[in-house]
């Protein structure tokens, strides 16, 4: 009788050990940050949106750009817009979990003249081009850097904006984003 009781307890302990080992062996482990994988979005059918989708979104939907505002960059959405009255600007919005990033590229804004006339914002030079850093409160605190991107055309501009709920993106972040985006625009 004592032997059977001992074997019963031994079986319970053995099974508990096997269960504990199975849980340990299959428990998910932290493996560091996940690598960035650009999500795929359906190509818009309308010509203006399609052009923004192909020309502007690839400039901003890049891990080296998005990691500057959110780590790890997990893209939750992408949208495009454009000027229907002549296509003077194209725009791409990237939605991240806690922020949104927008890139407007166009013609018709003389950034050098804008920086001269501006009463607010911080005037600076980025990549040898005139630029202005501004903060405003739209739907959320918004930091924007507007830069002249084409040295041969003073009306060519790029505007990079970061929308976030917890204050404003700093000037250095937007300058670094411009340093990554503007050279690709000139190509």
N, C-alpha and C. Protein backbone atom coordinates (compact mmCIF):
# COMPACT_ATOMS: atom_id res chain seq x y z
N UNK A 1 0.81 -1.18 0.00
CA UNK A 1 0.00 0.00 0.00
C UNK A 1 0.87 1.26 0.00
N UNK A 2 1.89 1.23 0.84
CA UNK A 2 2.78 2.38 0.89
C UNK A 2 3.49 2.57 -0.44
N UNK A 3 3.84 1.52 -1.12
CA UNK A 3 4.51 1.58 -2.40
C UNK A 3 3.63 2.20 -3.47
N UNK A 4 2.33 1.85 -3.40
CA UNK A 4 1.42 2.41 -4.40
C UNK A 4 1.24 3.92 -4.18
N UNK A 5 1.16 4.32 -2.91
CA UNK A 5 1.02 5.74 -2.60
C UNK A 5 2.26 6.51 -3.06
N UNK A 6 3.42 5.90 -2.82
CA UNK A 6 4.68 6.53 -3.22
C UNK A 6 4.74 6.66 -4.75
N UNK A 7 4.36 5.62 -5.46
CA UNK A 7 4.34 5.66 -6.92
C UNK A 7 3.33 6.68 -7.43
N UNK A 8 2.20 6.81 -6.76
CA UNK A 8 1.20 7.81 -7.15
C UNK A 8 1.75 9.23 -7.02
N UNK A 9 2.41 9.49 -5.87
CA UNK A 9 3.02 10.81 -5.68
C UNK A 9 4.16 11.05 -6.67
N UNK A 10 4.91 10.05 -6.93
CA UNK A 10 6.00 10.15 -7.89
C UNK A 10 5.45 10.48 -9.28
N UNK A 11 4.33 9.88 -9.63
CA UNK A 11 3.69 10.18 -10.91
C UNK A 11 3.21 11.62 -10.98
N UNK A 12 2.60 12.11 -9.87
CA UNK A 12 2.12 13.49 -9.83
C UNK A 12 3.29 14.45 -9.95
N UNK A 13 4.35 14.20 -9.23
CA UNK A 13 5.53 15.07 -9.28
C UNK A 13 6.16 15.02 -10.67
N UNK A 14 6.24 13.84 -11.23
CA UNK A 14 6.81 13.68 -12.57
C UNK A 14 5.99 14.42 -13.63
N UNK A 15 4.67 14.28 -13.57
CA UNK A 15 3.80 14.96 -14.53
C UNK A 15 3.87 16.48 -14.34
N UNK A 16 3.94 16.92 -13.08
CA UNK A 16 4.07 18.35 -12.82
C UNK A 16 5.38 18.88 -13.39
N UNK A 17 6.43 18.11 -13.26
CA UNK A 17 7.73 18.49 -13.82
C UNK A 17 7.67 18.58 -15.34
N UNK A 18 7.02 17.61 -15.96
CA UNK A 18 6.89 17.63 -17.42
C UNK A 18 6.06 18.83 -17.88
N UNK A 19 5.00 19.13 -17.16
CA UNK A 19 4.16 20.28 -17.50
C UNK A 19 4.96 21.57 -17.35
N UNK A 20 5.71 21.70 -16.26
CA UNK A 20 6.52 22.89 -16.04
C UNK A 20 7.56 23.04 -17.15
N UNK A 21 8.20 21.95 -17.56
CA UNK A 21 9.18 22.00 -18.63
C UNK A 21 8.52 22.40 -19.96
N UNK A 22 7.35 21.86 -20.25
CA UNK A 22 6.64 22.19 -21.49
C UNK A 22 6.29 23.68 -21.53
N UNK A 23 5.83 24.22 -20.40
CA UNK A 23 5.52 25.65 -20.34
C UNK A 23 6.79 26.48 -20.55
N UNK A 24 7.86 26.08 -19.88
CA UNK A 24 9.12 26.82 -20.01
C UNK A 24 9.63 26.79 -21.45
N UNK A 25 9.61 25.63 -22.07
CA UNK A 25 10.16 25.47 -23.42
C UNK A 25 9.33 26.23 -24.46
N UNK A 26 8.04 26.40 -24.23
CA UNK A 26 7.18 27.06 -25.20
C UNK A 26 6.79 28.49 -24.85
N UNK A 27 7.29 29.01 -23.75
CA UNK A 27 6.96 30.36 -23.33
C UNK A 27 7.60 31.37 -24.28
N UNK A 28 6.84 32.37 -24.76
CA UNK A 28 7.43 33.36 -25.69
C UNK A 28 8.51 34.17 -25.00
N UNK A 29 9.59 34.38 -25.70
CA UNK A 29 10.71 35.12 -25.14
C UNK A 29 10.87 36.44 -25.88
N UNK A 30 11.34 37.45 -25.17
CA UNK A 30 11.61 38.76 -25.77
C UNK A 30 12.82 38.61 -26.68
N UNK A 31 12.66 39.02 -27.92
CA UNK A 31 13.75 38.88 -28.88
C UNK A 31 14.20 40.22 -29.43
N UNK A 32 14.00 41.28 -28.69
CA UNK A 32 14.42 42.59 -29.14
C UNK A 32 13.39 43.20 -30.08
N UNK A 33 13.70 44.38 -30.58
CA UNK A 33 12.75 45.05 -31.47
C UNK A 33 12.58 44.29 -32.78
N UNK A 34 11.35 44.30 -33.25
CA UNK A 34 11.07 43.64 -34.52
C UNK A 34 11.63 44.47 -35.66
N UNK A 35 12.10 43.83 -36.70
CA UNK A 35 12.59 44.60 -37.84
C UNK A 35 11.44 45.33 -38.54
N UNK A 36 11.76 46.46 -39.14
CA UNK A 36 10.74 47.24 -39.84
C UNK A 36 10.35 46.52 -41.13
N UNK A 37 9.09 46.37 -41.32
CA UNK A 37 8.55 45.83 -42.56
C UNK A 37 7.52 46.82 -43.05
N UNK A 38 7.80 47.43 -44.19
CA UNK A 38 6.87 48.41 -44.73
C UNK A 38 5.59 47.69 -45.15
N UNK A 39 4.47 48.10 -44.60
CA UNK A 39 3.22 47.45 -45.00
C UNK A 39 2.86 47.83 -46.43
N UNK A 40 2.09 46.99 -47.03
CA UNK A 40 1.65 47.29 -48.39
C UNK A 40 0.24 47.86 -48.32
N UNK A 41 0.01 48.86 -49.13
CA UNK A 41 -1.29 49.49 -49.21
C UNK A 41 -1.76 49.41 -50.65
N UNK A 42 -3.06 49.33 -50.82
CA UNK A 42 -3.62 49.26 -52.17
C UNK A 42 -3.35 50.57 -52.90
N UNK A 43 -2.97 50.45 -54.13
CA UNK A 43 -2.71 51.63 -54.95
C UNK A 43 -4.02 52.34 -55.26
N UNK A 44 -4.07 53.66 -55.03
CA UNK A 44 -5.29 54.40 -55.34
C UNK A 44 -5.57 54.38 -56.85
N UNK A 45 -6.81 54.53 -57.21
CA UNK A 45 -7.16 54.49 -58.62
C UNK A 45 -7.15 55.88 -59.26
N UNK A 46 -7.38 56.93 -58.49
CA UNK A 46 -7.45 58.28 -59.03
C UNK A 46 -6.02 58.80 -59.30
N UNK A 47 -5.83 59.50 -60.40
CA UNK A 47 -4.50 59.90 -60.88
C UNK A 47 -3.69 60.71 -59.86
N UNK A 48 -4.29 61.71 -59.22
CA UNK A 48 -3.57 62.53 -58.25
C UNK A 48 -3.12 61.74 -57.04
N UNK A 49 -4.00 60.91 -56.52
CA UNK A 49 -3.64 60.06 -55.37
C UNK A 49 -2.58 59.04 -55.78
N UNK A 50 -2.72 58.50 -56.98
CA UNK A 50 -1.75 57.51 -57.48
C UNK A 50 -0.36 58.14 -57.59
N UNK A 51 -0.32 59.38 -58.08
CA UNK A 51 0.97 60.06 -58.20
C UNK A 51 1.60 60.30 -56.82
N UNK A 52 0.81 60.75 -55.85
CA UNK A 52 1.32 60.95 -54.49
C UNK A 52 1.77 59.62 -53.89
N UNK A 53 1.01 58.57 -54.14
CA UNK A 53 1.32 57.23 -53.64
C UNK A 53 2.70 56.77 -54.14
N UNK A 54 3.01 57.03 -55.40
CA UNK A 54 4.26 56.57 -56.00
C UNK A 54 5.42 57.53 -55.82
N UNK A 55 5.14 58.83 -55.76
CA UNK A 55 6.23 59.80 -55.71
C UNK A 55 6.57 60.32 -54.31
N UNK A 56 5.58 60.44 -53.45
CA UNK A 56 5.81 61.06 -52.14
C UNK A 56 5.87 60.03 -51.00
N UNK A 57 4.96 59.07 -50.99
CA UNK A 57 4.92 58.11 -49.89
C UNK A 57 6.23 57.33 -49.71
N UNK A 58 6.89 56.89 -50.78
CA UNK A 58 8.16 56.17 -50.58
C UNK A 58 9.25 57.03 -49.95
N UNK A 59 9.14 58.34 -50.05
CA UNK A 59 10.15 59.22 -49.44
C UNK A 59 10.04 59.25 -47.93
N UNK A 60 8.82 59.09 -47.41
CA UNK A 60 8.61 59.21 -45.97
C UNK A 60 8.36 57.88 -45.29
N UNK A 61 7.79 56.93 -45.99
CA UNK A 61 7.50 55.63 -45.40
C UNK A 61 8.73 54.73 -45.49
N UNK A 62 9.78 55.17 -44.78
CA UNK A 62 11.06 54.46 -44.72
C UNK A 62 11.46 54.32 -43.26
N UNK A 63 12.04 53.20 -42.89
CA UNK A 63 12.37 53.00 -41.47
C UNK A 63 13.33 54.05 -40.92
N UNK A 64 14.32 54.47 -41.70
CA UNK A 64 15.29 55.44 -41.20
C UNK A 64 14.66 56.81 -40.97
N UNK A 65 13.54 57.10 -41.61
CA UNK A 65 12.82 58.35 -41.39
C UNK A 65 11.86 58.21 -40.22
N UNK A 66 11.05 57.16 -40.23
CA UNK A 66 10.01 56.99 -39.21
C UNK A 66 10.57 56.69 -37.83
N UNK A 67 11.72 56.02 -37.74
CA UNK A 67 12.30 55.71 -36.44
C UNK A 67 12.70 56.98 -35.69
N UNK A 68 12.84 58.08 -36.39
CA UNK A 68 13.17 59.35 -35.74
C UNK A 68 12.03 59.87 -34.88
N UNK A 69 10.80 59.45 -35.18
CA UNK A 69 9.65 59.94 -34.40
C UNK A 69 9.00 58.86 -33.56
N UNK A 70 9.19 57.59 -33.89
CA UNK A 70 8.59 56.52 -33.09
C UNK A 70 9.39 55.23 -33.26
N UNK A 71 9.73 54.61 -32.12
CA UNK A 71 10.50 53.38 -32.13
C UNK A 71 9.74 52.29 -31.42
N UNK A 72 9.57 51.12 -32.02
CA UNK A 72 9.82 50.84 -33.43
C UNK A 72 8.70 51.44 -34.28
N UNK A 73 9.03 51.81 -35.52
CA UNK A 73 7.98 52.40 -36.36
C UNK A 73 7.03 51.34 -36.88
N UNK A 74 5.79 51.37 -36.40
CA UNK A 74 4.76 50.45 -36.86
C UNK A 74 3.71 51.27 -37.59
N UNK A 75 3.69 51.15 -38.90
CA UNK A 75 2.77 51.93 -39.72
C UNK A 75 1.38 51.31 -39.63
N UNK A 76 0.41 52.13 -39.23
CA UNK A 76 -0.98 51.68 -39.11
C UNK A 76 -1.85 52.19 -40.23
N UNK A 77 -1.36 53.11 -41.02
CA UNK A 77 -2.17 53.63 -42.11
C UNK A 77 -1.40 54.59 -42.98
N UNK A 78 -1.88 54.77 -44.19
CA UNK A 78 -1.25 55.68 -45.13
C UNK A 78 -2.35 56.34 -45.95
N UNK A 79 -2.21 57.62 -46.19
CA UNK A 79 -3.18 58.32 -47.01
C UNK A 79 -2.50 59.34 -47.89
N UNK A 80 -3.13 59.72 -48.96
CA UNK A 80 -2.56 60.69 -49.89
C UNK A 80 -3.57 61.79 -50.17
N UNK A 81 -3.05 62.93 -50.58
CA UNK A 81 -3.91 64.01 -51.06
C UNK A 81 -3.11 64.81 -52.08
N UNK A 82 -3.79 65.71 -52.79
CA UNK A 82 -3.14 66.52 -53.81
C UNK A 82 -4.02 67.72 -54.10
N UNK A 83 -3.46 68.65 -54.85
CA UNK A 83 -4.20 69.84 -55.26
C UNK A 83 -4.91 69.52 -56.57
N UNK A 84 -6.23 69.43 -56.56
CA UNK A 84 -6.95 69.08 -57.79
C UNK A 84 -6.93 70.19 -58.84
N UNK A 85 -6.53 71.40 -58.44
CA UNK A 85 -6.50 72.53 -59.37
C UNK A 85 -5.10 72.73 -59.95
N UNK A 86 -4.54 71.70 -60.52
CA UNK A 86 -3.25 71.86 -61.18
C UNK A 86 -2.14 71.02 -60.59
N UNK A 87 -2.42 70.24 -59.57
CA UNK A 87 -1.43 69.35 -58.97
C UNK A 87 -0.18 70.11 -58.49
N UNK A 88 -0.36 71.29 -57.86
CA UNK A 88 0.79 72.05 -57.38
C UNK A 88 1.39 71.46 -56.11
N UNK A 89 0.70 70.54 -55.45
CA UNK A 89 1.30 69.83 -54.34
C UNK A 89 0.78 68.40 -54.29
N UNK A 90 1.62 67.54 -53.73
CA UNK A 90 1.27 66.15 -53.45
C UNK A 90 1.55 65.92 -51.98
N UNK A 91 0.79 65.05 -51.34
CA UNK A 91 0.94 64.86 -49.91
C UNK A 91 0.80 63.38 -49.56
N UNK A 92 1.54 62.97 -48.52
CA UNK A 92 1.41 61.62 -47.99
C UNK A 92 1.38 61.70 -46.47
N UNK A 93 0.43 61.02 -45.85
CA UNK A 93 0.30 60.93 -44.40
C UNK A 93 0.59 59.50 -43.98
N UNK A 94 1.41 59.36 -42.96
CA UNK A 94 1.72 58.05 -42.40
C UNK A 94 1.23 58.04 -40.96
N UNK A 95 0.38 57.09 -40.62
CA UNK A 95 -0.17 56.97 -39.27
C UNK A 95 0.62 55.93 -38.51
N UNK A 96 1.18 56.34 -37.38
CA UNK A 96 1.90 55.47 -36.46
C UNK A 96 1.02 55.29 -35.22
N UNK A 97 1.38 54.40 -34.31
CA UNK A 97 0.52 54.19 -33.14
C UNK A 97 0.25 55.46 -32.31
N UNK A 98 1.25 56.30 -32.10
CA UNK A 98 1.03 57.48 -31.25
C UNK A 98 1.31 58.79 -31.97
N UNK A 99 1.67 58.75 -33.22
CA UNK A 99 1.99 59.96 -33.97
C UNK A 99 1.54 59.81 -35.42
N UNK A 100 1.56 60.92 -36.13
CA UNK A 100 1.33 60.90 -37.57
C UNK A 100 2.39 61.79 -38.20
N UNK A 101 2.84 61.41 -39.38
CA UNK A 101 3.86 62.17 -40.10
C UNK A 101 3.27 62.51 -41.47
N UNK A 102 3.49 63.74 -41.89
CA UNK A 102 2.95 64.19 -43.19
C UNK A 102 4.07 64.85 -43.98
N UNK A 103 4.12 64.52 -45.27
CA UNK A 103 5.05 65.16 -46.18
C UNK A 103 4.26 65.78 -47.32
N UNK A 104 4.39 67.10 -47.47
CA UNK A 104 3.80 67.82 -48.61
C UNK A 104 4.96 68.25 -49.50
N UNK A 105 4.83 68.02 -50.79
CA UNK A 105 5.84 68.42 -51.75
C UNK A 105 5.12 69.18 -52.86
N UNK A 106 5.64 70.34 -53.20
CA UNK A 106 4.96 71.09 -54.25
C UNK A 106 5.75 72.28 -54.74
N UNK A 107 5.04 73.10 -55.47
CA UNK A 107 5.60 74.33 -56.02
C UNK A 107 4.60 75.45 -55.74
N UNK A 108 5.10 76.65 -55.65
CA UNK A 108 4.20 77.78 -55.43
C UNK A 108 4.41 78.47 -54.10
N UNK A 109 5.37 78.01 -53.29
CA UNK A 109 5.68 78.65 -52.02
C UNK A 109 7.16 79.01 -52.04
N UNK A 110 7.46 80.28 -52.03
CA UNK A 110 8.85 80.74 -52.00
C UNK A 110 9.31 80.72 -50.54
N UNK A 111 10.04 79.68 -50.18
CA UNK A 111 10.43 79.49 -48.77
C UNK A 111 11.35 80.61 -48.31
N UNK A 112 12.25 81.06 -49.16
CA UNK A 112 13.16 82.15 -48.77
C UNK A 112 12.36 83.41 -48.42
N UNK A 113 11.37 83.74 -49.25
CA UNK A 113 10.52 84.91 -48.98
C UNK A 113 9.68 84.68 -47.73
N UNK A 114 9.23 83.44 -47.55
CA UNK A 114 8.42 83.10 -46.39
C UNK A 114 9.23 83.27 -45.10
N UNK A 115 10.49 82.85 -45.11
CA UNK A 115 11.31 82.99 -43.90
C UNK A 115 11.60 84.45 -43.61
N UNK A 116 11.72 85.27 -44.67
CA UNK A 116 11.95 86.71 -44.48
C UNK A 116 10.73 87.38 -43.84
N UNK A 117 9.55 86.97 -44.28
CA UNK A 117 8.32 87.61 -43.82
C UNK A 117 7.78 87.02 -42.51
N UNK A 118 8.27 85.85 -42.14
CA UNK A 118 7.72 85.16 -40.97
C UNK A 118 8.00 85.93 -39.68
N UNK A 119 6.98 86.03 -38.87
CA UNK A 119 7.14 86.67 -37.56
C UNK A 119 7.31 85.63 -36.47
N UNK A 120 6.85 84.42 -36.73
CA UNK A 120 7.01 83.33 -35.77
C UNK A 120 7.89 82.26 -36.37
N UNK A 121 8.15 81.25 -35.61
CA UNK A 121 8.97 80.15 -36.11
C UNK A 121 10.45 80.48 -36.03
N UNK A 122 11.24 79.49 -36.32
CA UNK A 122 12.69 79.63 -36.27
C UNK A 122 13.24 79.47 -37.68
N UNK A 123 13.89 80.52 -38.18
CA UNK A 123 14.47 80.49 -39.52
C UNK A 123 15.83 79.80 -39.43
N UNK A 124 16.10 78.91 -40.38
CA UNK A 124 17.37 78.20 -40.39
C UNK A 124 17.74 77.79 -41.80
N UNK A 125 18.92 77.23 -41.93
CA UNK A 125 19.39 76.71 -43.21
C UNK A 125 19.61 75.22 -43.04
N UNK A 126 19.01 74.43 -43.93
CA UNK A 126 19.15 72.98 -43.89
C UNK A 126 19.65 72.54 -45.26
N UNK A 127 20.75 71.81 -45.28
CA UNK A 127 21.36 71.36 -46.54
C UNK A 127 21.65 72.55 -47.47
N UNK A 128 21.99 73.69 -46.89
CA UNK A 128 22.30 74.89 -47.67
C UNK A 128 21.08 75.57 -48.25
N UNK A 129 19.90 75.19 -47.80
CA UNK A 129 18.64 75.75 -48.33
C UNK A 129 17.89 76.47 -47.21
N UNK A 130 17.11 77.50 -47.56
CA UNK A 130 16.33 78.18 -46.52
C UNK A 130 15.23 77.26 -46.00
N UNK A 131 14.97 77.38 -44.71
CA UNK A 131 13.93 76.56 -44.07
C UNK A 131 13.37 77.32 -42.89
N UNK A 132 12.21 76.89 -42.44
CA UNK A 132 11.59 77.48 -41.24
C UNK A 132 10.95 76.35 -40.43
N UNK A 133 11.20 76.37 -39.12
CA UNK A 133 10.61 75.41 -38.18
C UNK A 133 9.52 76.14 -37.41
N UNK A 134 8.32 75.55 -37.40
CA UNK A 134 7.19 76.17 -36.72
C UNK A 134 6.46 75.16 -35.86
N UNK A 135 5.84 75.65 -34.81
CA UNK A 135 4.97 74.83 -33.96
C UNK A 135 3.59 75.46 -33.96
N UNK A 136 2.58 74.62 -34.05
CA UNK A 136 1.20 75.10 -33.98
C UNK A 136 0.33 74.00 -33.41
N UNK A 137 -0.83 74.39 -32.95
CA UNK A 137 -1.75 73.40 -32.42
C UNK A 137 -2.93 73.29 -33.39
N UNK A 138 -2.96 72.20 -34.14
CA UNK A 138 -4.08 71.95 -35.04
C UNK A 138 -4.98 70.97 -34.31
N UNK A 139 -5.09 69.76 -34.79
CA UNK A 139 -5.84 68.72 -34.09
C UNK A 139 -5.04 68.25 -32.89
N UNK A 140 -3.73 68.26 -33.03
CA UNK A 140 -2.79 67.88 -31.98
C UNK A 140 -1.59 68.82 -32.11
N UNK A 141 -0.71 68.85 -31.11
CA UNK A 141 0.49 69.66 -31.26
C UNK A 141 1.24 69.24 -32.53
N UNK A 142 1.57 70.22 -33.36
CA UNK A 142 2.18 69.95 -34.66
C UNK A 142 3.47 70.74 -34.80
N UNK A 143 4.51 70.04 -35.17
CA UNK A 143 5.79 70.67 -35.50
C UNK A 143 5.98 70.51 -37.00
N UNK A 144 6.40 71.59 -37.66
CA UNK A 144 6.52 71.56 -39.12
C UNK A 144 7.83 72.22 -39.53
N UNK A 145 8.50 71.59 -40.48
CA UNK A 145 9.69 72.17 -41.11
C UNK A 145 9.38 72.31 -42.59
N UNK A 146 9.47 73.53 -43.09
CA UNK A 146 9.26 73.79 -44.51
C UNK A 146 10.61 74.20 -45.08
N UNK A 147 11.00 73.54 -46.17
CA UNK A 147 12.32 73.74 -46.76
C UNK A 147 12.21 73.88 -48.27
N UNK A 148 13.05 74.75 -48.84
CA UNK A 148 13.16 74.85 -50.30
C UNK A 148 13.99 73.66 -50.75
N UNK A 149 13.42 72.81 -51.59
CA UNK A 149 14.15 71.59 -51.94
C UNK A 149 14.83 71.63 -53.29
N UNK A 150 14.45 72.53 -54.18
CA UNK A 150 15.05 72.59 -55.51
C UNK A 150 15.78 73.92 -55.65
N UNK A 151 17.13 73.90 -55.62
CA UNK A 151 17.88 75.15 -55.69
C UNK A 151 17.61 75.95 -56.96
N UNK A 152 17.20 75.29 -58.04
CA UNK A 152 16.95 75.99 -59.30
C UNK A 152 15.54 76.58 -59.38
N UNK A 153 14.66 76.22 -58.44
CA UNK A 153 13.28 76.71 -58.46
C UNK A 153 12.92 77.19 -57.05
N UNK A 154 12.92 78.51 -56.81
CA UNK A 154 12.65 79.01 -55.46
C UNK A 154 11.24 78.71 -54.95
N UNK A 155 10.33 78.32 -55.86
CA UNK A 155 8.97 78.04 -55.40
C UNK A 155 8.76 76.57 -55.04
N UNK A 156 9.78 75.73 -55.20
CA UNK A 156 9.67 74.31 -54.87
C UNK A 156 9.90 74.13 -53.37
N UNK A 157 8.96 73.50 -52.70
CA UNK A 157 9.06 73.34 -51.25
C UNK A 157 8.71 71.91 -50.82
N UNK A 158 9.19 71.56 -49.65
CA UNK A 158 8.78 70.33 -48.97
C UNK A 158 8.43 70.74 -47.55
N UNK A 159 7.34 70.23 -47.06
CA UNK A 159 6.90 70.54 -45.70
C UNK A 159 6.74 69.21 -44.97
N UNK A 160 7.49 69.05 -43.89
CA UNK A 160 7.44 67.83 -43.08
C UNK A 160 6.77 68.20 -41.76
N UNK A 161 5.71 67.48 -41.41
CA UNK A 161 4.99 67.77 -40.16
C UNK A 161 4.88 66.50 -39.34
N UNK A 162 5.00 66.67 -38.03
CA UNK A 162 4.80 65.57 -37.08
C UNK A 162 3.70 66.00 -36.12
N UNK A 163 2.64 65.20 -36.06
CA UNK A 163 1.51 65.43 -35.16
C UNK A 163 1.64 64.43 -34.02
N UNK A 164 1.58 64.90 -32.79
CA UNK A 164 1.64 63.99 -31.64
C UNK A 164 0.91 64.61 -30.47
N UNK A 165 0.43 63.77 -29.58
CA UNK A 165 -0.34 64.27 -28.44
C UNK A 165 0.51 64.74 -27.28
N UNK A 166 1.75 64.30 -27.22
CA UNK A 166 2.59 64.59 -26.06
C UNK A 166 3.64 65.66 -26.36
N UNK A 167 3.20 66.82 -26.78
CA UNK A 167 4.13 67.92 -27.04
C UNK A 167 4.55 67.96 -28.51
N UNK A 168 5.55 68.76 -28.79
CA UNK A 168 5.99 68.99 -30.16
C UNK A 168 7.26 68.21 -30.47
N UNK A 169 7.36 67.72 -31.70
CA UNK A 169 8.61 67.11 -32.15
C UNK A 169 9.64 68.23 -32.21
N UNK A 170 10.86 67.94 -31.81
CA UNK A 170 11.86 69.01 -31.76
C UNK A 170 12.44 69.31 -33.14
N UNK A 171 13.04 70.47 -33.22
CA UNK A 171 13.60 70.96 -34.48
C UNK A 171 14.65 69.99 -35.03
N UNK A 172 15.51 69.46 -34.18
CA UNK A 172 16.57 68.56 -34.64
C UNK A 172 16.00 67.32 -35.33
N UNK A 173 14.88 66.81 -34.82
CA UNK A 173 14.24 65.64 -35.43
C UNK A 173 13.77 65.96 -36.84
N UNK A 174 13.11 67.09 -37.00
CA UNK A 174 12.61 67.45 -38.33
C UNK A 174 13.74 67.80 -39.29
N UNK A 175 14.80 68.39 -38.79
CA UNK A 175 15.97 68.67 -39.64
C UNK A 175 16.57 67.35 -40.12
N UNK A 176 16.71 66.38 -39.22
CA UNK A 176 17.27 65.07 -39.61
C UNK A 176 16.36 64.39 -40.65
N UNK A 177 15.05 64.50 -40.47
CA UNK A 177 14.12 63.93 -41.45
C UNK A 177 14.32 64.60 -42.81
N UNK A 178 14.47 65.93 -42.81
CA UNK A 178 14.68 66.66 -44.07
C UNK A 178 15.99 66.23 -44.73
N UNK A 179 17.02 65.99 -43.92
CA UNK A 179 18.30 65.54 -44.48
C UNK A 179 18.18 64.19 -45.16
N UNK A 180 17.24 63.38 -44.75
CA UNK A 180 17.02 62.08 -45.38
C UNK A 180 16.08 62.18 -46.59
N UNK A 181 15.14 63.10 -46.54
CA UNK A 181 14.09 63.18 -47.58
C UNK A 181 14.50 64.07 -48.76
N UNK A 182 15.03 65.25 -48.49
CA UNK A 182 15.29 66.23 -49.55
C UNK A 182 16.26 65.73 -50.62
N UNK A 183 17.35 65.05 -50.27
CA UNK A 183 18.22 64.56 -51.35
C UNK A 183 17.49 63.60 -52.30
N UNK A 184 16.54 62.83 -51.79
CA UNK A 184 15.78 61.92 -52.65
C UNK A 184 14.81 62.69 -53.54
N UNK A 185 14.36 63.86 -53.10
CA UNK A 185 13.46 64.69 -53.92
C UNK A 185 14.18 65.25 -55.13
N UNK A 186 15.43 65.58 -54.94
CA UNK A 186 16.20 66.22 -56.02
C UNK A 186 16.52 65.25 -57.16
N UNK A 187 16.30 63.97 -56.94
CA UNK A 187 16.64 62.97 -57.98
C UNK A 187 15.56 62.85 -59.02
